[in-house]
């Protein structure tokens, strides 16, 4: 085998290992329970600061109607 093939193979393997090492970093590498705790804190903070949207019953009904109309149209 030529050295260029071996070099290309080695480069490919190093990029695969680099991808694997990046795959489970930060938030994604955390325990699912820890992720939920952190996400919950963010949601609570958003509600306390007034930045979280809360649907009124009318808005929820309108969204439901819109979604059902979309489903019916795609089924035909």
C-alpha atoms as a PDB file:
ATOM      1  CA  UNK A   1       0.000   0.000   0.000  1.00  0.00           C
ATOM      2  CA  UNK A   2       1.165   3.483  -0.701  1.00  0.00           C
ATOM      3  CA  UNK A   3       2.047   5.925   2.020  1.00  0.00           C
ATOM      4  CA  UNK A   4      -0.596   8.390   0.800  1.00  0.00           C
ATOM      5  CA  UNK A   5      -3.300   5.766   1.326  1.00  0.00           C
ATOM      6  CA  UNK A   6      -2.008   5.048   4.827  1.00  0.00           C
ATOM      7  CA  UNK A   7      -1.805   8.766   5.586  1.00  0.00           C
ATOM      8  CA  UNK A   8      -5.376   9.265   4.379  1.00  0.00           C
ATOM      9  CA  UNK A   9      -6.545   6.316   6.450  1.00  0.00           C
ATOM     10  CA  UNK A  10      -4.781   7.661   9.535  1.00  0.00           C
ATOM     11  CA  UNK A  11      -6.284  11.121   8.966  1.00  0.00           C
ATOM     12  CA  UNK A  12      -9.737   9.584   8.597  1.00  0.00           C
ATOM     13  CA  UNK A  13      -9.344   7.625  11.829  1.00  0.00           C
ATOM     14  CA  UNK A  14      -8.173  10.710  13.704  1.00  0.00           C
ATOM     15  CA  UNK A  15     -11.196  12.702  12.490  1.00  0.00           C
ATOM     16  CA  UNK A  16     -13.498   9.889  13.614  1.00  0.00           C
ATOM     17  CA  UNK A  17     -11.931   9.839  17.069  1.00  0.00           C
ATOM     18  CA  UNK A  18     -12.172  13.643  17.222  1.00  0.00           C
ATOM     19  CA  UNK A  19     -15.875  13.405  16.363  1.00  0.00           C
ATOM     20  CA  UNK A  20     -16.414  10.781  19.053  1.00  0.00           C
ATOM     21  CA  UNK A  21     -14.669  12.899  21.675  1.00  0.00           C
ATOM     22  CA  UNK A  22     -16.917  15.839  20.805  1.00  0.00           C
ATOM     23  CA  UNK A  23     -20.100  13.801  20.714  1.00  0.00           C
ATOM     24  CA  UNK A  24     -20.570  13.585  24.466  1.00  0.00           C
ATOM     25  CA  UNK A  25     -19.439  16.915  25.851  1.00  0.00           C
ATOM     26  CA  UNK A  26     -21.167  19.509  27.964  1.00  0.00           C
ATOM     27  CA  UNK A  27     -24.914  19.276  28.385  1.00  0.00           C
ATOM     28  CA  UNK A  28     -25.175  16.149  26.215  1.00  0.00           C
ATOM     29  CA  UNK A  29     -22.702  14.261  28.405  1.00  0.00           C
ATOM     30  CA  UNK A  30     -24.652  14.939  31.588  1.00  0.00           C
ATOM     31  CA  UNK A  31     -26.887  12.486  33.328  1.00  0.00           C
ATOM     32  CA  UNK A  32     -30.480  12.901  32.017  1.00  0.00           C
ATOM     33  CA  UNK A  33     -31.726  13.712  35.525  1.00  0.00           C
ATOM     34  CA  UNK A  34     -29.139  16.512  35.839  1.00  0.00           C
ATOM     35  CA  UNK A  35     -30.214  17.860  32.420  1.00  0.00           C
ATOM     36  CA  UNK A  36     -33.839  17.991  33.581  1.00  0.00           C
ATOM     37  CA  UNK A  37     -32.862  19.817  36.772  1.00  0.00           C
ATOM     38  CA  UNK A  38     -30.921  22.465  34.846  1.00  0.00           C
ATOM     39  CA  UNK A  39     -33.662  22.871  32.231  1.00  0.00           C
ATOM     40  CA  UNK A  40     -36.253  23.195  34.985  1.00  0.00           C
ATOM     41  CA  UNK A  41     -34.269  26.003  36.592  1.00  0.00           C
ATOM     42  CA  UNK A  42     -34.175  27.826  33.256  1.00  0.00           C
ATOM     43  CA  UNK A  43     -37.925  27.475  32.837  1.00  0.00           C
ATOM     44  CA  UNK A  44     -38.605  28.755  36.322  1.00  0.00           C
ATOM     45  CA  UNK A  45     -36.291  31.721  35.786  1.00  0.00           C
ATOM     46  CA  UNK A  46     -38.064  32.594  32.538  1.00  0.00           C
ATOM     47  CA  UNK A  47     -41.452  32.553  34.241  1.00  0.00           C
ATOM     48  CA  UNK A  48     -40.206  34.639  37.167  1.00  0.00           C
ATOM     49  CA  UNK A  49     -38.696  37.263  34.867  1.00  0.00           C
ATOM     50  CA  UNK A  50     -41.834  37.377  32.713  1.00  0.00           C
ATOM     51  CA  UNK A  51     -40.151  36.122  29.540  1.00  0.00           C
ATOM     52  CA  UNK A  52     -41.981  32.794  29.330  1.00  0.00           C
ATOM     53  CA  UNK A  53     -45.148  32.702  27.257  1.00  0.00           C
ATOM     54  CA  UNK A  54     -48.269  31.292  28.858  1.00  0.00           C
ATOM     55  CA  UNK A  55     -51.120  30.456  26.512  1.00  0.00           C
ATOM     56  CA  UNK A  56     -54.545  31.765  27.352  1.00  0.00           C
ATOM     57  CA  UNK A  57     -57.374  29.254  26.856  1.00  0.00           C
ATOM     58  CA  UNK A  58     -58.360  31.098  23.669  1.00  0.00           C
ATOM     59  CA  UNK A  59     -54.831  30.902  22.260  1.00  0.00           C
ATOM     60  CA  UNK A  60     -54.632  27.197  23.107  1.00  0.00           C
ATOM     61  CA  UNK A  61     -57.934  26.495  21.342  1.00  0.00           C
ATOM     62  CA  UNK A  62     -56.832  28.451  18.269  1.00  0.00           C
ATOM     63  CA  UNK A  63     -53.534  26.537  18.154  1.00  0.00           C
ATOM     64  CA  UNK A  64     -55.386  23.230  18.481  1.00  0.00           C
ATOM     65  CA  UNK A  65     -57.792  24.137  15.679  1.00  0.00           C
ATOM     66  CA  UNK A  66     -54.915  25.184  13.453  1.00  0.00           C
ATOM     67  CA  UNK A  67     -53.051  21.944  14.126  1.00  0.00           C
ATOM     68  CA  UNK A  68     -56.087  19.766  13.460  1.00  0.00           C
ATOM     69  CA  UNK A  69     -56.838  21.591  10.215  1.00  0.00           C
ATOM     70  CA  UNK A  70     -53.259  20.989   9.115  1.00  0.00           C
ATOM     71  CA  UNK A  71     -53.576  17.259   9.924  1.00  0.00           C
ATOM     72  CA  UNK A  72     -56.844  16.940   8.021  1.00  0.00           C
ATOM     73  CA  UNK A  73     -55.421  18.716   4.985  1.00  0.00           C
ATOM     74  CA  UNK A  74     -52.348  16.471   4.870  1.00  0.00           C
ATOM     75  CA  UNK A  75     -54.445  13.295   5.224  1.00  0.00           C
ATOM     76  CA  UNK A  76     -56.376  14.002   2.022  1.00  0.00           C
END
